[in-house]
Amino acid sequence: MQTPLNTDVLVIGAGNAGFAAAHAAREQNLDVLMLECAPRDEAGGNTRFTAGAMRFAYRGVDDLVALMPDLTEDELARTDFGSYPEDDFFDDMGRVTEYRCDPDLVEQLVRGSRETMMWMRSKGIRFAPIWGRQAFEVNGRFTFWGGLAVEAYGGGPGLVEAWIAAAERAGIRIVYEARALSLIRDDDGITGARATISGETVDIAAKSVVLACGGFQANAEWRTRYLGPGWDLAKVRGTRFNTGEGIRMALEIGASPSGNWSGCHAVGWERNAPEFGDLAIGDAYQKHSYPFGIIVNAHGERFVDEGADFRNYTYAKYGRVILAQPGQFAWQIFDSKVVHLLRDEYRIREVTKVSADTLEGLVEKLDGVDAACALANIQQFNDAVMDEVPFNPNVKDGRGTVGLDIPKSNWANRLDEPPYEAYAITCGITFTFGGVRIDTSACVQDHDGRPISGLYSAGEMVGGIFYFNYPGGTGLMAGSVLGRIAGTSAGQTASSR
């Protein structure tokens, strides 16, 4: 065993939440050590695999200009950024989680979102509008929709690299290929952790510990145990390192589990993607333009309302529905009227795509699908479209269908202009919703509802924030807000000890 290390605040996990915690602790002039189980080129947890979208409350364009001062006058003149007041953020969190989300944690998330974005900017994190993914050009003007307007510059990889550079400037130590094994506890609370660093076991003494090491989505056994049968077959969108070890360590010393342990963020994902995320492809295996087409399963049947809401509010729950289909796959189908609206992820080389000049020809190419039933269902869909309602991709346009067992509520267009395109998808799991219980100081709670002294948590491994579904861009924001709170609290505990 190596000679024990010492630090004031130990942060386990070097993703977005972990870095927010580390910087908040470092602001108190404390020594901060971060453990990252991945090697340097895979570091950053799920953050590195995201598109970097950040949902936060903003009052109007002035708030966005303060965050992104390099916006040009031309960009401002031709863009309607709208506003996303705190009340709308609260409403979205309540609605998509069926009002099960922890009100105290959501209060912190929403109220602290804009201030935290400005704090991140002060650390050197840059942001940009999500051109092309959250706004479409109609009559020469871009209109942002769905409460989501901003992403980290360079997406998830850019966010991770910016955090690492900021950590180097701040004097925060990061040790890669360092896997935490267990927490060290005495009668006064958590006093450190045992870890393996480059294959050698070491005890790290710390005055406080922040766990920010992700959910259990990369653990097929845990997925099946908690999410249910069939979840071992899901693809993992992100890092192979998020296997629930932080949750396990916390539960072993008496932490209270919390949240939607049978729930997760899961999306439509390239059918033939690898088992885990591929950094060369990043988030481009996702296929999120389904509101402008239809989705059919192996029986050739539609099984969801593709236009139930903006993509932001449905994509994270539809992965579960796709996994439940025969063969765990489906096909998204579009015609030439909407191809220009498809996101860039549809244009990568690593895609399972077919095309044809007729619907009859297209359905014959849909691998694993009953072609006759698919053609009949497409024709039935075409006959049900409300052509009299104008199509507008920037609003919930009410252009739906009439008389179908599974309606399409918005953005319904007949599939009648060749060439036609179809893309094969399966379920891609992003992160799990169950985790440990924390209070508003981000301190982990025990089974009796008491704080575990010296132990804090943030990021995916916190339970109680998301249930059933998820508003797009909220994961990174929650990690930033609660990570900052966790680091501040951990630093205060370290100082008092």
Protein backbone atom coordinates (compact mmCIF):
# COMPACT_ATOMS: atom_id res chain seq x y z
CA MET A 1 0.00 0.00 0.00
CA GLN A 2 1.26 3.47 -0.89
CA THR A 3 1.93 6.18 1.65
CA PRO A 4 -1.39 7.89 2.44
CA LEU A 5 -2.19 11.16 0.64
CA ASN A 6 -3.74 14.17 2.32
CA THR A 7 -6.05 16.92 1.09
CA ASP A 8 -8.67 19.30 2.42
CA VAL A 9 -11.43 18.42 -0.07
CA LEU A 10 -11.45 15.21 -2.09
CA VAL A 11 -13.69 15.21 -5.18
CA ILE A 12 -14.35 11.77 -6.68
CA GLY A 13 -15.26 12.16 -10.34
CA ALA A 14 -14.01 14.75 -12.83
CA GLY A 15 -17.07 15.54 -14.91
CA ASN A 16 -19.02 18.79 -14.98
CA ALA A 17 -20.47 18.37 -11.46
CA GLY A 18 -17.12 17.36 -10.01
CA PHE A 19 -15.34 20.34 -11.51
CA ALA A 20 -18.01 22.74 -10.26
CA ALA A 21 -17.54 21.28 -6.77
CA ALA A 22 -13.75 21.44 -6.99
CA HIS A 23 -13.73 25.08 -8.05
CA ALA A 24 -16.24 26.12 -5.39
CA ALA A 25 -14.08 24.46 -2.73
CA ARG A 26 -10.88 25.95 -4.14
CA GLU A 27 -12.38 29.44 -3.86
CA GLN A 28 -12.01 29.00 -0.09
CA ASN A 29 -8.22 28.68 -0.44
CA LEU A 30 -8.31 24.97 0.33
CA ASP A 31 -6.29 22.15 -1.16
CA VAL A 32 -8.50 20.22 -3.59
CA LEU A 33 -7.73 16.80 -5.06
CA MET A 34 -9.82 15.19 -7.79
CA LEU A 35 -9.85 11.46 -8.60
CA GLU A 36 -10.83 10.44 -12.13
CA CYS A 37 -11.00 6.71 -12.88
CA ALA A 38 -10.66 7.22 -16.63
CA PRO A 39 -7.38 7.96 -18.40
CA ARG A 40 -6.80 11.57 -19.45
CA ASP A 41 -8.11 11.13 -22.99
CA GLU A 42 -11.42 9.67 -21.74
CA ALA A 43 -11.78 11.88 -18.68
CA GLY A 44 -14.90 13.89 -17.97
CA GLY A 45 -17.52 11.23 -17.39
CA ASN A 46 -20.73 11.60 -19.36
CA THR A 47 -20.07 15.33 -19.78
CA ARG A 48 -17.56 14.62 -22.54
CA PHE A 49 -20.20 12.71 -24.51
CA THR A 50 -22.93 15.36 -24.33
CA ALA A 51 -23.76 18.11 -26.79
CA GLY A 52 -23.20 20.59 -23.95
CA ALA A 53 -26.73 22.06 -23.81
CA MET A 54 -27.47 24.05 -20.65
CA ARG A 55 -31.04 24.89 -19.59
CA PHE A 56 -31.25 27.98 -17.40
CA ALA A 57 -33.71 30.72 -16.62
CA TYR A 58 -33.15 33.97 -18.51
CA ARG A 59 -35.28 37.11 -18.65
CA GLY A 60 -34.47 38.07 -22.20
CA VAL A 61 -31.72 38.82 -24.66
CA ASP A 62 -29.81 41.05 -22.22
CA ASP A 63 -29.12 38.06 -19.98
CA LEU A 64 -27.81 36.14 -22.99
CA VAL A 65 -25.60 39.01 -24.11
CA ALA A 66 -24.12 39.18 -20.60
CA LEU A 67 -23.29 35.49 -20.84
CA MET A 68 -22.17 35.58 -24.50
CA PRO A 69 -20.80 39.10 -25.13
CA ASP A 70 -19.37 38.08 -28.50
CA LEU A 71 -22.85 37.84 -30.09
CA THR A 72 -22.85 40.10 -33.13
CA GLU A 73 -25.41 42.78 -33.93
CA ASP A 74 -26.43 40.81 -37.02
CA GLU A 75 -27.01 37.65 -34.97
CA LEU A 76 -29.11 39.58 -32.49
CA ALA A 77 -31.10 41.31 -35.23
CA ARG A 78 -32.14 38.09 -36.99
CA THR A 79 -32.82 35.97 -33.90
CA ASP A 80 -35.72 35.79 -31.51
CA PHE A 81 -34.21 34.29 -28.35
CA GLY A 82 -37.40 34.91 -26.42
CA SER A 83 -37.20 34.42 -22.66
CA TYR A 84 -37.31 31.51 -20.27
CA PRO A 85 -38.53 32.81 -16.91
CA GLU A 86 -38.07 30.84 -13.72
CA ASP A 87 -41.78 30.07 -13.60
CA ASP A 88 -41.52 28.27 -16.95
CA PHE A 89 -38.53 26.29 -15.72
CA PHE A 90 -40.48 25.25 -12.61
CA ASP A 91 -43.48 24.30 -14.76
CA ASP A 92 -41.35 22.19 -17.09
CA MET A 93 -39.67 20.35 -14.23
CA GLY A 94 -42.99 19.59 -12.60
CA ARG A 95 -44.79 18.59 -15.78
CA VAL A 96 -42.22 16.20 -17.22
CA THR A 97 -41.53 14.48 -13.86
CA GLU A 98 -45.24 14.18 -13.11
CA TYR A 99 -44.68 16.51 -10.14
CA ARG A 100 -42.54 14.00 -8.25
CA CYS A 101 -39.30 16.01 -8.38
CA ASP A 102 -37.89 17.16 -5.03
CA PRO A 103 -39.20 20.73 -4.63
CA ASP A 104 -36.24 21.92 -2.54
CA LEU A 105 -33.63 20.67 -5.00
CA VAL A 106 -35.59 22.01 -7.95
CA GLU A 107 -35.84 25.38 -6.20
CA GLN A 108 -32.05 25.46 -6.00
CA LEU A 109 -31.69 24.33 -9.59
CA VAL A 110 -34.01 26.93 -11.04
CA ARG A 111 -33.13 29.89 -8.81
CA GLY A 112 -29.42 29.23 -9.11
CA SER A 113 -29.25 28.46 -12.82
CA ARG A 114 -28.48 31.88 -14.32
CA GLU A 115 -26.10 32.91 -11.56
CA THR A 116 -24.24 29.61 -11.92
CA MET A 117 -23.87 30.11 -15.67
CA MET A 118 -22.27 33.51 -15.03
CA TRP A 119 -20.04 31.94 -12.37
CA MET A 120 -18.92 29.31 -14.88
CA ARG A 121 -18.14 32.05 -17.36
CA SER A 122 -15.94 33.69 -14.72
CA LYS A 123 -13.95 30.44 -14.62
CA GLY A 124 -13.30 30.62 -18.35
CA ILE A 125 -16.21 28.50 -19.62
CA ARG A 126 -17.55 29.91 -22.90
CA PHE A 127 -21.07 29.51 -24.24
CA ALA A 128 -22.79 29.85 -27.61
CA PRO A 129 -26.36 29.77 -28.95
CA ILE A 130 -27.53 26.34 -30.10
CA TRP A 131 -27.87 27.32 -33.74
CA GLY A 132 -29.46 24.63 -35.88
CA ARG A 133 -30.57 22.38 -33.03
CA GLN A 134 -32.97 24.68 -31.16
CA ALA A 135 -33.95 27.25 -33.76
CA PHE A 136 -35.19 27.05 -37.34
CA GLU A 137 -35.14 29.86 -39.86
CA VAL A 138 -38.63 30.93 -40.88
CA ASN A 139 -39.07 34.02 -43.10
CA GLY A 140 -35.44 35.01 -42.54
CA ARG A 141 -35.58 34.91 -38.75
CA PHE A 142 -34.43 32.29 -36.27
CA THR A 143 -36.73 31.55 -33.34
CA PHE A 144 -35.52 29.56 -30.36
CA TRP A 145 -37.99 27.12 -28.84
CA GLY A 146 -38.35 24.73 -25.94
CA GLY A 147 -36.67 26.86 -23.27
CA LEU A 148 -33.18 25.91 -24.43
CA ALA A 149 -30.93 28.39 -26.18
CA VAL A 150 -27.34 27.89 -25.01
CA GLU A 151 -24.64 25.24 -25.13
CA ALA A 152 -21.07 25.09 -23.88
CA TYR A 153 -18.63 26.16 -26.56
CA GLY A 154 -17.29 23.03 -28.21
CA GLY A 155 -20.09 20.89 -26.77
CA GLY A 156 -19.35 18.37 -24.04
CA PRO A 157 -15.70 17.84 -25.02
CA GLY A 158 -15.16 21.61 -25.06
CA LEU A 159 -16.76 21.93 -21.63
CA VAL A 160 -14.51 19.24 -20.13
CA GLU A 161 -11.36 20.75 -21.61
CA ALA A 162 -12.34 24.22 -20.41
CA TRP A 163 -12.90 22.87 -16.87
CA ILE A 164 -9.52 21.08 -16.92
CA ALA A 165 -7.74 24.22 -18.06
CA ALA A 166 -9.49 26.23 -15.34
CA ALA A 167 -8.48 23.62 -12.75
CA GLU A 168 -4.85 23.89 -13.80
CA ARG A 169 -4.99 27.68 -13.44
CA ALA A 170 -6.60 27.36 -10.02
CA GLY A 171 -4.10 24.83 -8.69
CA ILE A 172 -6.60 21.96 -8.39
CA ARG A 173 -4.87 18.58 -8.54
CA ILE A 174 -6.36 15.90 -10.83
CA VAL A 175 -5.21 12.28 -10.67
CA TYR A 176 -6.28 10.13 -13.62
CA GLU A 177 -6.69 6.34 -13.65
CA ALA A 178 -7.60 6.63 -9.97
CA ARG A 179 -10.54 4.44 -8.98
CA ALA A 180 -12.15 5.05 -5.59
CA LEU A 181 -12.92 1.80 -3.78
CA SER A 182 -14.53 2.80 -0.50
CA LEU A 183 -15.11 5.68 1.87
CA ILE A 184 -13.23 5.95 5.15
CA ARG A 185 -15.41 6.82 8.13
CA ASP A 186 -15.04 7.28 11.90
CA ASP A 187 -17.37 8.57 14.60
CA ASP A 188 -16.94 12.14 13.31
CA GLY A 189 -18.01 11.26 9.77
CA ILE A 190 -16.19 10.76 6.48
CA THR A 191 -12.43 11.23 6.71
CA GLY A 192 -11.29 10.16 3.26
CA ALA A 193 -11.36 7.34 0.74
CA ARG A 194 -9.43 4.29 -0.33
CA ALA A 195 -8.52 4.15 -4.00
CA THR A 196 -6.31 2.42 -6.52
CA ILE A 197 -4.03 4.74 -8.45
CA SER A 198 -2.32 3.16 -11.44
CA GLY A 199 -2.94 -0.23 -9.87
CA GLU A 200 -1.67 0.57 -6.37
CA THR A 201 -3.93 0.89 -3.32
CA VAL A 202 -3.76 4.17 -1.41
CA ASP A 203 -5.64 5.76 1.47
CA ILE A 204 -6.43 9.43 0.95
CA ALA A 205 -7.12 11.46 4.06
CA ALA A 206 -9.55 14.33 3.51
CA LYS A 207 -11.52 16.70 5.70
CA SER A 208 -14.51 16.33 3.38
CA VAL A 209 -15.44 14.30 0.31
CA VAL A 210 -17.65 15.10 -2.68
CA LEU A 211 -19.02 12.17 -4.68
CA ALA A 212 -19.66 13.20 -8.29
CA CYS A 213 -19.01 9.97 -10.15
CA GLY A 214 -22.18 9.39 -12.15
CA GLY A 215 -25.05 6.94 -12.26
CA PHE A 216 -25.04 3.21 -12.99
CA GLN A 217 -25.96 3.27 -16.69
CA ALA A 218 -22.75 1.52 -17.79
CA ASN A 219 -23.40 -1.42 -15.45
CA ALA A 220 -25.53 -3.96 -17.33
CA GLU A 221 -26.21 -6.00 -14.17
CA TRP A 222 -27.46 -2.98 -12.22
CA ARG A 223 -29.54 -1.81 -15.19
CA THR A 224 -31.31 -5.14 -15.28
CA ARG A 225 -31.67 -5.25 -11.50
CA TYR A 226 -33.17 -1.79 -11.12
CA LEU A 227 -34.58 -0.74 -14.52
CA GLY A 228 -35.93 -4.17 -15.38
CA PRO A 229 -35.59 -7.04 -17.88
CA GLY A 230 -34.26 -6.05 -21.26
CA TRP A 231 -32.21 -3.10 -20.07
CA ASP A 232 -29.03 -5.13 -20.39
CA LEU A 233 -29.67 -4.84 -24.16
CA ALA A 234 -29.62 -1.04 -24.25
CA LYS A 235 -26.70 0.84 -25.76
CA VAL A 236 -24.80 3.18 -23.44
CA ARG A 237 -24.60 6.66 -24.92
CA GLY A 238 -21.69 7.83 -22.80
CA THR A 239 -18.71 6.73 -20.76
CA ARG A 240 -17.99 3.12 -19.88
CA PHE A 241 -16.81 4.24 -16.45
CA ASN A 242 -20.15 5.22 -14.88
CA THR A 243 -20.97 1.91 -13.22
CA GLY A 244 -22.54 3.12 -9.97
CA GLU A 245 -19.41 2.81 -7.81
CA GLY A 246 -20.02 6.13 -6.11
CA ILE A 247 -23.57 5.13 -5.25
CA ARG A 248 -22.33 1.77 -3.97
CA MET A 249 -19.72 3.39 -1.72
CA ALA A 250 -22.28 5.77 -0.28
CA LEU A 251 -24.85 3.05 0.38
CA GLU A 252 -22.23 0.89 2.08
CA ILE A 253 -21.67 3.51 4.77
CA GLY A 254 -25.39 4.04 5.36
CA ALA A 255 -26.48 6.65 2.81
CA SER A 256 -30.20 6.77 2.03
CA PRO A 257 -31.20 5.88 -1.54
CA SER A 258 -33.56 8.32 -3.23
CA GLY A 259 -35.36 8.97 -6.47
CA ASN A 260 -36.62 7.01 -9.46
CA TRP A 261 -34.43 3.89 -9.32
CA SER A 262 -36.44 2.23 -12.09
CA GLY A 263 -36.18 5.30 -14.32
CA CYS A 264 -33.55 6.74 -16.61
CA HIS A 265 -32.80 9.16 -19.42
CA ALA A 266 -32.93 7.07 -22.61
CA VAL A 267 -33.23 8.18 -26.22
CA GLY A 268 -33.46 7.03 -29.80
CA TRP A 269 -29.90 5.95 -30.75
CA GLU A 270 -28.22 4.50 -33.83
CA ARG A 271 -29.26 0.85 -34.01
CA ASN A 272 -25.77 -0.42 -34.81
CA ALA A 273 -23.82 1.85 -32.47
CA PRO A 274 -21.18 0.20 -30.23
CA GLU A 275 -21.95 -0.94 -26.69
CA PHE A 276 -20.56 2.26 -25.14
CA GLY A 277 -20.12 5.80 -26.38
CA ASP A 278 -17.50 6.52 -29.02
CA LEU A 279 -15.64 9.78 -28.51
CA ALA A 280 -14.87 9.98 -32.23
CA ILE A 281 -18.62 10.18 -32.88
CA GLY A 282 -19.68 11.82 -29.63
CA ASP A 283 -23.39 12.55 -29.41
CA ALA A 284 -24.00 12.12 -33.15
CA TYR A 285 -25.45 8.61 -32.79
CA GLN A 286 -28.61 10.24 -31.40
CA LYS A 287 -31.52 10.71 -33.79
CA HIS A 288 -33.75 13.50 -32.50
CA SER A 289 -35.58 14.95 -35.51
CA TYR A 290 -38.44 12.46 -35.19
CA PRO A 291 -41.07 15.21 -34.60
CA PHE A 292 -40.89 15.91 -38.35
CA GLY A 293 -41.48 12.33 -39.46
CA ILE A 294 -42.96 9.10 -38.15
CA ILE A 295 -41.51 6.11 -36.26
CA VAL A 296 -42.54 2.52 -36.97
CA ASN A 297 -41.65 -0.75 -35.24
CA ALA A 298 -41.07 -4.27 -36.59
CA HIS A 299 -44.82 -4.67 -37.17
CA GLY A 300 -44.80 -1.53 -39.30
CA GLU A 301 -46.87 0.29 -36.69
CA ARG A 302 -46.45 3.71 -35.12
CA PHE A 303 -46.23 3.47 -31.34
CA VAL A 304 -45.65 7.02 -30.04
CA ASP A 305 -46.98 10.49 -30.75
CA GLU A 306 -43.91 11.91 -32.47
CA GLY A 307 -45.31 15.43 -32.16
CA ALA A 308 -46.59 15.30 -28.59
CA ASP A 309 -44.28 18.15 -27.57
CA PHE A 310 -41.01 19.78 -28.49
CA ARG A 311 -38.23 17.23 -28.79
CA ASN A 312 -36.70 18.61 -25.56
CA TYR A 313 -39.59 17.22 -23.55
CA THR A 314 -40.04 13.79 -25.13
CA TYR A 315 -36.69 12.47 -26.33
CA ALA A 316 -35.45 11.33 -22.91
CA LYS A 317 -38.46 9.06 -22.35
CA TYR A 318 -38.91 7.62 -25.84
CA GLY A 319 -35.81 5.46 -25.58
CA ARG A 320 -37.62 3.30 -23.04
CA VAL A 321 -40.55 2.92 -25.44
CA ILE A 322 -38.23 1.90 -28.29
CA LEU A 323 -36.57 -0.72 -26.08
CA ALA A 324 -40.00 -2.23 -25.42
CA GLN A 325 -40.68 -2.78 -29.14
CA PRO A 326 -40.17 -6.18 -30.83
CA GLY A 327 -36.45 -6.63 -31.41
CA GLN A 328 -35.67 -3.43 -29.47
CA PHE A 329 -35.54 -1.29 -32.62
CA ALA A 330 -37.56 1.06 -34.80
CA TRP A 331 -37.23 3.13 -37.98
CA GLN A 332 -37.68 6.89 -38.35
CA ILE A 333 -39.14 7.85 -41.75
CA PHE A 334 -39.02 11.24 -43.50
CA ASP A 335 -39.77 12.64 -46.94
CA SER A 336 -37.95 15.36 -48.85
CA LYS A 337 -40.14 18.20 -47.49
CA VAL A 338 -38.45 17.99 -44.09
CA VAL A 339 -34.97 16.66 -44.85
CA HIS A 340 -33.53 20.18 -44.51
CA LEU A 341 -34.79 20.22 -40.90
CA LEU A 342 -32.89 17.08 -39.89
CA ARG A 343 -30.07 17.68 -37.44
CA ASP A 344 -26.43 17.15 -38.41
CA GLU A 345 -26.40 13.77 -36.64
CA TYR A 346 -28.35 12.34 -39.59
CA ARG A 347 -25.50 13.15 -41.97
CA ILE A 348 -22.68 11.19 -40.34
CA ARG A 349 -21.17 8.18 -42.11
CA GLU A 350 -21.86 5.85 -39.15
CA VAL A 351 -25.59 5.63 -39.72
CA THR A 352 -28.00 2.86 -40.68
CA LYS A 353 -29.99 4.56 -43.46
CA VAL A 354 -32.08 3.51 -46.43
CA SER A 355 -33.69 5.63 -49.13
CA ALA A 356 -36.02 5.13 -52.07
CA ASP A 357 -38.04 7.05 -54.64
CA THR A 358 -41.29 5.33 -53.65
CA LEU A 359 -42.86 4.35 -50.35
CA GLU A 360 -43.25 0.82 -51.69
CA GLY A 361 -39.54 0.67 -52.34
CA LEU A 362 -38.67 2.21 -48.99
CA VAL A 363 -40.64 -0.20 -46.80
CA GLU A 364 -39.02 -3.16 -48.55
CA LYS A 365 -35.65 -1.86 -47.36
CA LEU A 366 -36.63 -1.51 -43.70
CA ASP A 367 -34.70 -4.39 -42.16
CA GLY A 368 -36.82 -6.47 -39.79
CA VAL A 369 -40.09 -4.66 -40.61
CA ASP A 370 -43.33 -6.09 -41.99
CA ALA A 371 -43.30 -4.12 -45.26
CA ALA A 372 -46.98 -4.56 -46.15
CA CYS A 373 -48.17 -3.40 -42.75
CA ALA A 374 -45.73 -0.50 -42.76
CA LEU A 375 -47.04 0.69 -46.15
CA ALA A 376 -50.65 0.41 -45.02
CA ASN A 377 -49.93 2.38 -41.85
CA ILE A 378 -48.08 5.10 -43.73
CA GLN A 379 -51.02 5.48 -46.10
CA GLN A 380 -53.41 5.63 -43.16
CA PHE A 381 -51.23 8.29 -41.55
CA ASN A 382 -51.14 10.33 -44.76
CA ASP A 383 -54.92 10.28 -45.01
CA ALA A 384 -55.24 11.56 -41.42
CA VAL A 385 -53.00 14.66 -41.69
CA MET A 386 -54.71 18.02 -41.10
CA ASP A 387 -53.43 19.73 -44.26
CA GLU A 388 -55.42 22.86 -43.57
CA VAL A 389 -53.24 23.79 -40.56
CA PRO A 390 -49.98 25.60 -41.46
CA PHE A 391 -46.72 23.84 -40.64
CA ASN A 392 -44.26 25.72 -38.38
CA PRO A 393 -41.32 23.90 -36.80
CA ASN A 394 -40.63 26.70 -34.28
CA VAL A 395 -43.94 26.40 -32.42
CA LYS A 396 -46.33 23.65 -31.42
CA ASP A 397 -48.29 24.29 -34.58
CA GLY A 398 -51.33 22.06 -33.94
CA ARG A 399 -50.90 20.47 -37.36
CA GLY A 400 -51.94 17.01 -36.26
CA THR A 401 -53.89 13.98 -37.39
CA VAL A 402 -57.53 12.94 -37.14
CA GLY A 403 -58.90 9.48 -36.44
CA LEU A 404 -55.72 7.57 -35.61
CA ASP A 405 -55.42 5.36 -32.55
CA ILE A 406 -52.03 6.98 -31.91
CA PRO A 407 -52.32 10.61 -32.99
CA LYS A 408 -49.60 12.94 -34.07
CA SER A 409 -50.34 16.22 -32.30
CA ASN A 410 -48.00 18.65 -34.08
CA TRP A 411 -45.79 18.91 -37.18
CA ALA A 412 -47.72 16.24 -39.10
CA ASN A 413 -46.86 16.16 -42.80
CA ARG A 414 -47.90 13.64 -45.37
CA LEU A 415 -45.12 11.37 -46.53
CA ASP A 416 -45.67 12.07 -50.21
CA GLU A 417 -42.64 13.84 -51.66
CA PRO A 418 -39.77 11.58 -52.73
CA PRO A 419 -37.06 10.70 -52.19
CA TYR A 420 -37.85 9.09 -48.85
CA GLU A 421 -35.34 8.37 -46.07
CA ALA A 422 -35.42 6.06 -43.05
CA TYR A 423 -33.03 5.61 -40.13
CA ALA A 424 -32.75 2.59 -37.83
CA ILE A 425 -32.69 3.29 -34.09
CA THR A 426 -32.59 1.47 -30.80
CA CYS A 427 -32.46 2.60 -27.16
CA GLY A 428 -29.48 4.59 -25.93
CA ILE A 429 -29.32 5.08 -22.17
CA THR A 430 -27.78 8.35 -20.98
CA PHE A 431 -27.99 8.25 -17.20
CA THR A 432 -30.03 6.73 -14.41
CA PHE A 433 -32.40 8.68 -12.15
CA GLY A 434 -31.95 6.81 -8.85
CA GLY A 435 -29.19 7.78 -6.46
CA VAL A 436 -28.38 9.08 -3.01
CA ARG A 437 -30.44 11.48 -0.94
CA ILE A 438 -28.98 14.93 -0.27
CA ASP A 439 -30.22 18.01 1.56
CA THR A 440 -30.07 21.58 0.28
CA SER A 441 -26.41 21.87 1.30
CA ALA A 442 -25.74 18.80 -0.93
CA CYS A 443 -24.84 16.80 2.18
CA VAL A 444 -25.62 13.09 1.83
CA GLN A 445 -28.31 11.85 4.23
CA ASP A 446 -28.38 8.57 6.13
CA HIS A 447 -31.32 6.20 6.57
CA ASP A 448 -32.52 8.19 9.58
CA GLY A 449 -32.60 11.43 7.62
CA ARG A 450 -29.48 12.79 9.29
CA PRO A 451 -26.55 14.33 7.41
CA ILE A 452 -23.44 12.18 7.05
CA SER A 453 -20.78 14.60 8.20
CA GLY A 454 -18.16 15.36 5.60
CA LEU A 455 -19.91 13.65 2.68
CA TYR A 456 -21.49 15.58 -0.20
CA SER A 457 -22.76 14.65 -3.63
CA ALA A 458 -23.73 16.17 -6.98
CA GLY A 459 -24.43 15.21 -10.56
CA GLU A 460 -26.04 12.06 -11.92
CA MET A 461 -25.70 10.12 -8.67
CA VAL A 462 -28.11 12.41 -6.81
CA GLY A 463 -31.64 11.01 -6.62
CA GLY A 464 -34.91 12.92 -6.47
CA ILE A 465 -34.53 15.43 -9.30
CA PHE A 466 -35.77 13.49 -12.34
CA TYR A 467 -38.64 11.03 -12.58
CA PHE A 468 -39.87 9.32 -15.77
CA ASN A 469 -38.58 12.07 -18.02
CA TYR A 470 -36.27 15.05 -18.29
CA PRO A 471 -36.26 18.53 -19.86
CA GLY A 472 -33.34 18.72 -22.30
CA GLY A 473 -30.24 20.47 -20.99
CA THR A 474 -31.18 20.10 -17.32
CA GLY A 475 -28.62 17.42 -16.43
CA LEU A 476 -25.55 19.59 -16.95
CA MET A 477 -27.29 22.51 -15.29
CA ALA A 478 -28.21 20.46 -12.23
CA GLY A 479 -24.65 19.18 -12.04
CA SER A 480 -23.28 22.72 -12.18
CA VAL A 481 -25.66 24.20 -9.60
CA LEU A 482 -25.54 21.34 -7.11
CA GLY A 483 -21.84 20.77 -7.74
CA ARG A 484 -21.13 24.35 -6.79
CA ILE A 485 -23.26 23.98 -3.66
CA ALA A 486 -21.55 20.69 -2.78
CA GLY A 487 -18.10 22.21 -3.17
CA THR A 488 -19.00 25.25 -1.11
CA SER A 489 -20.43 23.08 1.67
CA ALA A 490 -17.51 20.65 1.56
CA GLY A 491 -15.10 23.54 1.79
CA GLN A 492 -16.90 24.99 4.80
CA THR A 493 -16.78 21.61 6.53
CA ALA A 494 -13.09 21.21 5.73
CA SER A 495 -12.35 24.65 7.12
CA SER A 496 -14.26 23.93 10.33
CA ARG A 497 -12.40 20.65 10.83
